[in-house]
Amino acid sequence: MREPLERRAVISGVGQSEVGRRLYRPALDLTLDACLEAIEDAGLDRSDIDGVATYPGNMDFPPGFSGVGVTEVQDALRLELSWYNGGPENPGQLGSVITACAAVAAGYADHVLCFRTVWEASAQGDKGRASVVGSGGGGQHGGSSYRASGFLEWLLPFGAPSAANWVAMYAMRHFHEFGTTREQLARIALTERRNAALNPKAIYRDPLTLEDYLEARMISTPLCLFDCDVPADGSTAVIVSRQDSAPVLRRPPVRIEAVGSAIRGRPSWDQWDDFTTMSMRDAASMMWSRTDLGPVDVDVAEVYDGFSFLALAWLEALGFCERGEGGAFVEEGTISLEGSLPLNTNGGQLSGGRLHGYGFLHEACLQLWGEAGDRQVQGSPEVAVVAAGGGPLAGCMLLSR
């Protein structure tokens, strides 16, 4: 096998702004905090940054989902760019980082600043979550009428505008085929809450019991309130650098061992060929085909949990357990900080806050550098997997120290 080109790129620095509920700070302020911290963390200057990549770019709707794109950051930091990229059609939010790796490997840029900003909690304010995820029906937004378009045209007649409805459909099929239970799914939420208690930036840090979980209001069967991620405000940035730039960096960088971004099934939430998995199956397969390492070599897993079932499905897709065995796998305590595969060590999105794939990438780098504080996995972890996305959107990265 020829050496994958992504190995010509490394992660040299990471940064993260204040994270919280309803911070009411401008999105650009949060973004610049994260970007400047990442540049300093890498031991670089702004003049060294010659590339920028982001997901999803500057967009006003849904409210709080972005609001900052390449041009705002370039102008604010006075960057002179050789390459840039931003857009919503990416594999599971990590696509912007994967694309940055390709740009560095191709010689388009030496140091690419990648960032992701959300301010959904402030955008929501004291309204319900539908105010930021969108009800999808006709109505008013920004003073003008709008109509549902795309696949929402087919979902709205059934009252299913939320991803909670779509993911619940997959979870129910998994329950039906393999006997997965809510008590098993709860292990993901409970484990992440325990991890969040050790993360000073996490949104929810109070203890959560199985009884609390089982008594919580149902959102879309079988997903309850604690199966759903937490809207938050925050920005995360990472620097993707040339592998041969290591001597000028502040510390030994994190190596990018392999990436996965494939989608081989139909690009649809409700027309997928196997309702017990999603496009994560294809992204994971691609990633493992690009490395000699395997699931047994992974020390830390930071995988997407917009809903708890997505994390369970990622564990199966990545090969940490067989298809259909995810429930039993998480039930055994394997995913605790003390277990053989610590999962979402920062509290994930269920308790830490909805920072998308970038939040997981930031946490994976801290773990590999041994800088995660009280939640640091013991034994000097050397390999981490990062995965993001659900339905027809999925991307993953294998990182090593």
Protein backbone atom coordinates (compact mmCIF):
# COMPACT_ATOMS: atom_id res chain seq x y z
CA MET A 1 0.00 0.00 0.00
CA ARG A 2 1.34 3.42 -0.92
CA GLU A 3 1.61 5.78 1.99
CA PRO A 4 -1.64 7.76 2.28
CA LEU A 5 -1.11 11.43 1.48
CA GLU A 6 -2.80 12.53 4.72
CA ARG A 7 0.36 11.42 6.55
CA ARG A 8 2.13 14.41 5.04
CA ALA A 9 -0.03 16.54 7.33
CA VAL A 10 -0.08 16.83 11.12
CA ILE A 11 -2.10 18.67 13.74
CA SER A 12 0.23 21.18 15.30
CA GLY A 13 -2.04 23.16 17.61
CA VAL A 14 -5.59 23.42 18.96
CA GLY A 15 -7.64 26.15 20.55
CA GLN A 16 -11.08 26.56 22.02
CA SER A 17 -13.05 29.61 23.14
CA GLU A 18 -15.22 29.93 26.18
CA VAL A 19 -18.01 27.34 25.97
CA GLY A 20 -21.39 27.87 27.57
CA ARG A 21 -25.12 28.29 27.37
CA ARG A 22 -26.37 31.67 26.16
CA LEU A 23 -23.07 33.51 26.32
CA TYR A 24 -24.53 36.22 24.04
CA ARG A 25 -21.10 36.92 22.59
CA PRO A 26 -20.68 37.61 18.86
CA ALA A 27 -19.74 34.53 16.88
CA LEU A 28 -16.66 36.27 15.50
CA ASP A 29 -15.40 37.00 19.03
CA LEU A 30 -15.64 33.33 19.95
CA THR A 31 -13.98 32.33 16.68
CA LEU A 32 -11.02 34.66 17.09
CA ASP A 33 -10.45 33.45 20.66
CA ALA A 34 -10.20 29.86 19.41
CA CYS A 35 -8.10 30.71 16.35
CA LEU A 36 -5.55 32.84 18.20
CA GLU A 37 -5.21 30.18 20.89
CA ALA A 38 -4.62 27.48 18.28
CA ILE A 39 -1.96 29.54 16.50
CA GLU A 40 -0.16 30.21 19.77
CA ASP A 41 -0.54 26.58 20.81
CA ALA A 42 1.29 25.49 17.66
CA GLY A 43 4.10 27.96 18.29
CA LEU A 44 3.27 29.87 15.11
CA ASP A 45 2.53 33.48 14.21
CA ARG A 46 -0.40 34.78 12.22
CA SER A 47 2.02 35.40 9.36
CA ASP A 48 2.66 31.64 9.18
CA ILE A 49 -1.00 30.84 8.42
CA ASP A 50 -1.49 30.58 4.67
CA GLY A 51 -4.66 28.48 4.56
CA VAL A 52 -8.12 28.53 6.17
CA ALA A 53 -10.81 25.85 6.16
CA THR A 54 -14.17 25.77 7.92
CA TYR A 55 -17.53 24.03 8.10
CA PRO A 56 -20.13 25.09 7.09
CA GLY A 57 -19.03 28.59 6.09
CA ASN A 58 -21.02 31.73 6.81
CA MET A 59 -24.75 31.03 6.85
CA ASP A 60 -27.64 32.72 8.64
CA PHE A 61 -30.05 29.79 8.82
CA PRO A 62 -30.53 27.80 10.96
CA PRO A 63 -29.85 30.49 13.56
CA GLY A 64 -26.64 29.95 15.50
CA PHE A 65 -25.37 27.14 13.30
CA SER A 66 -22.54 29.28 11.95
CA GLY A 67 -22.39 33.00 11.22
CA VAL A 68 -18.65 33.12 10.59
CA GLY A 69 -16.86 32.07 7.42
CA VAL A 70 -13.44 32.21 5.81
CA THR A 71 -13.62 35.85 4.77
CA GLU A 72 -14.50 37.16 8.25
CA VAL A 73 -11.57 35.33 9.81
CA GLN A 74 -9.13 36.27 7.08
CA ASP A 75 -10.04 39.93 7.40
CA ALA A 76 -10.02 40.01 11.20
CA LEU A 77 -6.63 38.30 11.46
CA ARG A 78 -5.17 40.00 8.36
CA LEU A 79 -4.14 36.68 6.87
CA GLU A 80 -2.47 36.31 3.48
CA LEU A 81 -3.91 33.09 2.10
CA SER A 82 -2.69 30.72 -0.57
CA TRP A 83 -5.68 28.40 -0.15
CA TYR A 84 -9.06 28.38 1.57
CA ASN A 85 -12.20 26.26 1.69
CA GLY A 86 -15.62 26.47 3.32
CA GLY A 87 -18.99 24.89 2.62
CA PRO A 88 -21.82 22.84 4.11
CA GLU A 89 -21.50 19.72 1.93
CA ASN A 90 -18.85 17.96 3.96
CA PRO A 91 -18.54 14.44 5.39
CA GLY A 92 -19.67 14.81 8.97
CA GLN A 93 -18.15 18.24 9.75
CA LEU A 94 -14.62 16.84 9.68
CA GLY A 95 -14.57 17.22 5.92
CA SER A 96 -13.03 20.68 6.23
CA VAL A 97 -10.11 19.22 8.21
CA ILE A 98 -9.74 16.29 5.82
CA THR A 99 -9.68 18.73 2.91
CA ALA A 100 -7.05 20.81 4.73
CA CYS A 101 -4.89 17.68 5.03
CA ALA A 102 -5.16 17.20 1.29
CA ALA A 103 -4.26 20.83 0.63
CA VAL A 104 -1.16 20.60 2.80
CA ALA A 105 -0.14 17.28 1.23
CA ALA A 106 -0.53 18.81 -2.23
CA GLY A 107 1.60 21.81 -1.30
CA TYR A 108 -1.18 24.40 -1.58
CA ALA A 109 -0.51 25.63 1.97
CA ASP A 110 1.92 25.06 4.84
CA HIS A 111 -0.29 25.80 7.86
CA VAL A 112 -4.09 25.70 7.56
CA LEU A 113 -6.26 27.22 10.25
CA CYS A 114 -9.44 25.12 10.55
CA PHE A 115 -12.35 26.30 12.70
CA ARG A 116 -15.97 25.58 13.61
CA THR A 117 -18.19 28.00 15.52
CA VAL A 118 -21.67 27.58 16.98
CA TRP A 119 -23.88 29.91 19.01
CA GLU A 120 -27.11 27.94 18.97
CA ALA A 121 -27.81 28.43 22.66
CA SER A 122 -27.79 32.22 22.37
CA ALA A 123 -29.79 32.06 19.15
CA GLN A 124 -32.36 29.92 20.95
CA GLY A 125 -32.57 32.26 23.92
CA ASP A 126 -35.64 31.49 26.00
CA LYS A 127 -37.44 29.85 23.09
CA GLY A 128 -37.73 26.15 22.35
CA ARG A 129 -35.15 24.22 20.40
CA ALA A 130 -37.31 24.39 17.27
CA SER A 131 -36.25 28.03 17.05
CA VAL A 132 -32.72 26.95 16.08
CA VAL A 133 -33.24 23.59 14.39
CA GLY A 134 -36.19 24.93 12.44
CA SER A 135 -39.75 23.67 12.35
CA GLY A 136 -39.40 23.35 8.60
CA GLY A 137 -42.92 24.49 7.88
CA GLY A 138 -43.87 27.67 6.09
CA GLY A 139 -43.59 30.79 8.17
CA GLN A 140 -41.54 33.87 8.77
CA HIS A 141 -37.79 34.13 9.07
CA GLY A 142 -35.99 37.43 9.02
CA GLY A 143 -39.18 39.16 7.94
CA SER A 144 -39.72 37.09 4.80
CA SER A 145 -41.74 33.99 4.03
CA TYR A 146 -39.98 30.72 3.33
CA ARG A 147 -40.97 27.27 2.19
CA ALA A 148 -39.56 23.87 3.03
CA SER A 149 -37.33 22.46 0.34
CA GLY A 150 -35.35 19.34 -0.38
CA PHE A 151 -36.07 16.23 1.65
CA LEU A 152 -38.00 18.22 4.28
CA GLU A 153 -40.85 18.47 1.79
CA TRP A 154 -41.37 14.74 2.29
CA LEU A 155 -40.90 14.71 6.06
CA LEU A 156 -42.98 17.67 7.18
CA PRO A 157 -46.36 16.12 6.28
CA PHE A 158 -45.55 13.49 8.90
CA GLY A 159 -44.45 16.02 11.52
CA ALA A 160 -40.83 14.89 11.39
CA PRO A 161 -38.64 17.97 10.88
CA SER A 162 -36.04 17.09 13.51
CA ALA A 163 -33.03 14.81 13.25
CA ALA A 164 -34.32 13.29 16.50
CA ASN A 165 -37.13 11.75 14.44
CA TRP A 166 -34.79 10.37 11.79
CA VAL A 167 -32.20 8.95 14.20
CA ALA A 168 -34.93 7.44 16.37
CA MET A 169 -36.03 5.48 13.32
CA TYR A 170 -32.58 3.89 13.08
CA ALA A 171 -32.46 3.25 16.82
CA MET A 172 -35.84 1.52 16.78
CA ARG A 173 -34.70 -0.77 13.97
CA HIS A 174 -31.56 -1.62 15.95
CA PHE A 175 -33.69 -2.35 19.03
CA HIS A 176 -35.97 -4.57 16.93
CA GLU A 177 -33.25 -6.55 15.17
CA PHE A 178 -30.74 -6.98 17.99
CA GLY A 179 -32.66 -6.56 21.23
CA THR A 180 -30.88 -3.35 22.18
CA THR A 181 -32.47 -1.69 25.23
CA ARG A 182 -32.87 1.81 26.60
CA GLU A 183 -30.88 0.76 29.65
CA GLN A 184 -27.95 -0.05 27.35
CA LEU A 185 -28.28 3.21 25.46
CA ALA A 186 -28.33 5.02 28.81
CA ARG A 187 -24.76 3.86 29.46
CA ILE A 188 -23.50 6.31 26.86
CA ALA A 189 -25.30 9.27 28.44
CA LEU A 190 -24.27 8.27 31.97
CA THR A 191 -20.64 7.70 31.02
CA GLU A 192 -20.43 11.04 29.26
CA ARG A 193 -21.98 12.86 32.22
CA ARG A 194 -19.32 11.38 34.51
CA ASN A 195 -16.64 12.55 32.09
CA ALA A 196 -18.22 16.00 31.85
CA ALA A 197 -17.94 16.39 35.62
CA LEU A 198 -14.16 16.46 35.08
CA ASN A 199 -14.32 19.02 32.26
CA PRO A 200 -14.55 22.63 33.48
CA LYS A 201 -15.99 23.75 30.11
CA ALA A 202 -18.78 21.17 30.03
CA ILE A 203 -22.38 22.45 30.02
CA TYR A 204 -23.87 19.80 32.32
CA ARG A 205 -21.69 18.52 35.16
CA ASP A 206 -24.22 17.47 37.81
CA PRO A 207 -24.55 13.71 38.46
CA LEU A 208 -26.97 11.76 36.28
CA THR A 209 -28.44 8.44 37.39
CA LEU A 210 -30.10 5.66 35.45
CA GLU A 211 -33.35 6.56 37.19
CA ASP A 212 -33.01 10.16 36.02
CA TYR A 213 -32.49 8.91 32.48
CA LEU A 214 -35.42 6.50 32.44
CA GLU A 215 -37.79 9.07 33.94
CA ALA A 216 -36.86 11.87 31.52
CA ARG A 217 -39.42 13.00 28.97
CA MET A 218 -39.44 11.19 25.67
CA ILE A 219 -38.41 13.20 22.61
CA SER A 220 -38.81 10.65 19.81
CA THR A 221 -39.08 7.02 20.86
CA PRO A 222 -36.74 5.50 21.98
CA LEU A 223 -34.73 8.72 22.47
CA CYS A 224 -35.37 10.71 25.62
CA LEU A 225 -34.12 14.14 26.65
CA PHE A 226 -30.74 12.81 27.81
CA ASP A 227 -30.16 11.08 24.47
CA CYS A 228 -30.05 14.48 22.73
CA ASP A 229 -27.09 16.83 22.53
CA VAL A 230 -27.01 20.22 24.22
CA PRO A 231 -27.12 23.45 22.15
CA ALA A 232 -24.15 25.58 23.16
CA ASP A 233 -22.03 28.59 22.23
CA GLY A 234 -18.38 28.04 21.44
CA SER A 235 -15.68 27.85 18.81
CA THR A 236 -12.93 25.30 18.21
CA ALA A 237 -9.86 25.63 16.00
CA VAL A 238 -7.07 23.31 14.90
CA ILE A 239 -3.94 23.95 12.86
CA VAL A 240 -3.11 21.44 10.11
CA SER A 241 0.58 21.76 9.18
CA ARG A 242 3.09 20.12 6.89
CA GLN A 243 4.62 17.03 8.45
CA ASP A 244 8.13 18.31 7.75
CA SER A 245 7.47 21.53 9.68
CA ALA A 246 7.72 19.67 12.99
CA PRO A 247 11.10 21.19 14.01
CA VAL A 248 9.62 24.72 14.18
CA LEU A 249 6.53 23.72 16.17
CA ARG A 250 6.05 24.11 19.91
CA ARG A 251 5.68 20.39 20.60
CA PRO A 252 5.73 17.10 18.69
CA PRO A 253 2.58 17.26 16.55
CA VAL A 254 -0.23 14.73 16.32
CA ARG A 255 0.16 12.48 13.30
CA ILE A 256 -2.76 11.92 10.96
CA GLU A 257 -2.59 8.19 10.32
CA ALA A 258 -5.66 7.79 8.08
CA VAL A 259 -8.93 9.46 7.14
CA GLY A 260 -12.30 8.12 6.02
CA SER A 261 -14.94 10.02 4.08
CA ALA A 262 -16.57 7.46 1.78
CA ILE A 263 -20.29 7.18 1.12
CA ARG A 264 -21.36 4.19 -0.95
CA GLY A 265 -25.03 3.99 -0.08
CA ARG A 266 -27.84 6.24 -1.20
CA PRO A 267 -27.29 9.81 0.14
CA SER A 268 -30.50 9.85 2.14
CA TRP A 269 -31.60 9.75 5.77
CA ASP A 270 -34.71 7.71 5.07
CA GLN A 271 -33.65 5.59 2.07
CA TRP A 272 -30.48 4.00 3.42
CA ASP A 273 -29.94 0.33 2.61
CA ASP A 274 -29.46 -0.82 6.22
CA PHE A 275 -31.38 0.97 8.96
CA THR A 276 -29.15 -0.37 11.72
CA THR A 277 -26.19 1.64 10.44
CA MET A 278 -25.48 4.69 8.28
CA SER A 279 -22.76 6.12 6.02
CA MET A 280 -20.39 5.80 8.99
CA ARG A 281 -20.08 2.18 7.83
CA ASP A 282 -18.44 3.35 4.59
CA ALA A 283 -16.28 6.10 6.10
CA ALA A 284 -14.89 3.70 8.71
CA SER A 285 -14.18 1.04 6.08
CA MET A 286 -12.22 3.56 4.03
CA MET A 287 -10.22 4.72 7.03
CA TRP A 288 -9.15 1.22 8.07
CA SER A 289 -8.16 0.43 4.48
CA ARG A 290 -5.58 3.23 4.65
CA THR A 291 -3.63 1.98 7.67
CA ASP A 292 -2.05 -1.13 9.11
CA LEU A 293 -3.53 -0.29 12.50
CA GLY A 294 -6.85 -1.73 13.61
CA PRO A 295 -9.55 -1.20 16.24
CA VAL A 296 -7.49 -3.09 18.83
CA ASP A 297 -4.80 -0.40 18.60
CA VAL A 298 -7.10 2.49 19.55
CA ASP A 299 -6.72 3.90 23.06
CA VAL A 300 -9.36 6.65 22.99
CA ALA A 301 -12.56 7.04 20.95
CA GLU A 302 -14.08 10.49 20.41
CA VAL A 303 -17.17 9.79 18.30
CA TYR A 304 -20.20 11.82 17.34
CA ASP A 305 -23.16 11.74 19.69
CA GLY A 306 -25.66 14.27 18.40
CA PHE A 307 -27.91 11.52 19.73
CA SER A 308 -26.66 8.68 21.92
CA PHE A 309 -27.55 6.07 19.30
CA LEU A 310 -25.13 7.66 16.84
CA ALA A 311 -22.25 6.97 19.23
CA LEU A 312 -23.34 3.34 19.56
CA ALA A 313 -23.60 3.03 15.77
CA TRP A 314 -20.12 4.52 15.34
CA LEU A 315 -18.67 1.97 17.77
CA GLU A 316 -20.07 -0.81 15.61
CA ALA A 317 -19.08 0.81 12.32
CA LEU A 318 -15.52 1.33 13.52
CA GLY A 319 -15.24 -2.34 14.41
CA PHE A 320 -14.91 -2.09 18.19
CA CYS A 321 -17.67 -4.66 18.39
CA GLU A 322 -19.66 -6.69 15.90
CA ARG A 323 -22.76 -5.38 14.17
CA GLY A 324 -25.67 -5.56 16.59
CA GLU A 325 -23.45 -5.93 19.68
CA GLY A 326 -23.11 -2.24 20.52
CA GLY A 327 -25.62 -2.42 23.36
CA ALA A 328 -23.76 -5.19 25.15
CA PHE A 329 -20.43 -3.50 24.42
CA VAL A 330 -21.30 -0.24 26.18
CA GLU A 331 -23.07 -2.10 28.99
CA GLU A 332 -19.85 -3.79 30.08
CA GLY A 333 -18.13 -0.62 31.27
CA THR A 334 -15.65 -0.76 28.41
CA ILE A 335 -16.27 2.90 27.51
CA SER A 336 -15.54 4.43 30.93
CA LEU A 337 -12.40 6.46 31.56
CA GLU A 338 -10.97 3.39 33.27
CA GLY A 339 -12.15 0.99 30.57
CA SER A 340 -10.30 -0.41 27.60
CA LEU A 341 -11.89 2.12 25.21
CA PRO A 342 -12.64 5.44 26.93
CA LEU A 343 -15.43 7.19 25.03
CA ASN A 344 -16.01 10.91 24.57
CA THR A 345 -13.77 11.89 27.44
CA ASN A 346 -14.82 15.55 27.47
CA GLY A 347 -18.47 14.70 28.11
CA GLY A 348 -19.35 14.54 24.44
CA GLN A 349 -22.19 16.62 23.06
CA LEU A 350 -24.74 15.07 25.42
CA SER A 351 -23.19 16.81 28.44
CA GLY A 352 -20.17 18.77 27.21
CA GLY A 353 -22.06 20.76 24.56
CA ARG A 354 -22.85 20.57 20.86
CA LEU A 355 -19.53 21.63 19.29
CA HIS A 356 -19.75 19.13 16.44
CA GLY A 357 -16.80 17.08 15.17
CA TYR A 358 -14.30 19.81 15.98
CA GLY A 359 -14.93 19.43 19.71
CA PHE A 360 -14.04 15.75 19.48
CA LEU A 361 -10.91 16.47 17.44
CA HIS A 362 -9.78 19.04 20.01
CA GLU A 363 -10.30 16.53 22.83
CA ALA A 364 -8.46 13.74 21.00
CA CYS A 365 -5.40 15.94 20.55
CA LEU A 366 -5.40 16.93 24.22
CA GLN A 367 -5.56 13.26 25.19
CA LEU A 368 -2.67 12.31 22.91
CA TRP A 369 -0.59 15.21 24.25
CA GLY A 370 -1.45 14.27 27.84
CA GLU A 371 -3.03 17.70 28.44
CA ALA A 372 -6.63 16.76 29.31
CA GLY A 373 -6.35 17.50 33.02
CA ASP A 374 -8.56 15.56 35.43
CA ARG A 375 -10.15 13.58 32.59
CA GLN A 376 -6.82 12.47 31.12
CA VAL A 377 -6.82 8.80 30.16
CA GLN A 378 -4.11 6.98 32.04
CA GLY A 379 -1.30 5.04 30.39
CA SER A 380 -0.21 7.67 27.85
CA PRO A 381 -2.65 6.94 25.01
CA GLU A 382 -0.95 6.71 21.63
CA VAL A 383 -3.81 6.23 19.15
CA ALA A 384 -7.18 7.99 19.00
CA VAL A 385 -10.08 7.84 16.59
CA VAL A 386 -12.30 10.84 15.89
CA ALA A 387 -15.61 10.45 14.07
CA ALA A 388 -18.45 12.80 13.24
CA GLY A 389 -21.78 12.71 11.49
CA GLY A 390 -24.93 10.66 11.14
CA GLY A 391 -27.26 9.47 8.41
CA PRO A 392 -25.68 10.12 5.00
CA LEU A 393 -22.94 12.34 6.50
CA ALA A 394 -19.84 10.77 8.02
CA GLY A 395 -16.13 11.44 8.34
CA CYS A 396 -13.47 9.96 10.58
CA MET A 397 -9.77 10.33 11.35
CA LEU A 398 -7.21 8.06 12.99
CA LEU A 399 -4.62 10.00 14.98
CA SER A 400 -1.38 8.87 16.60
CA ARG A 401 1.16 10.39 18.96
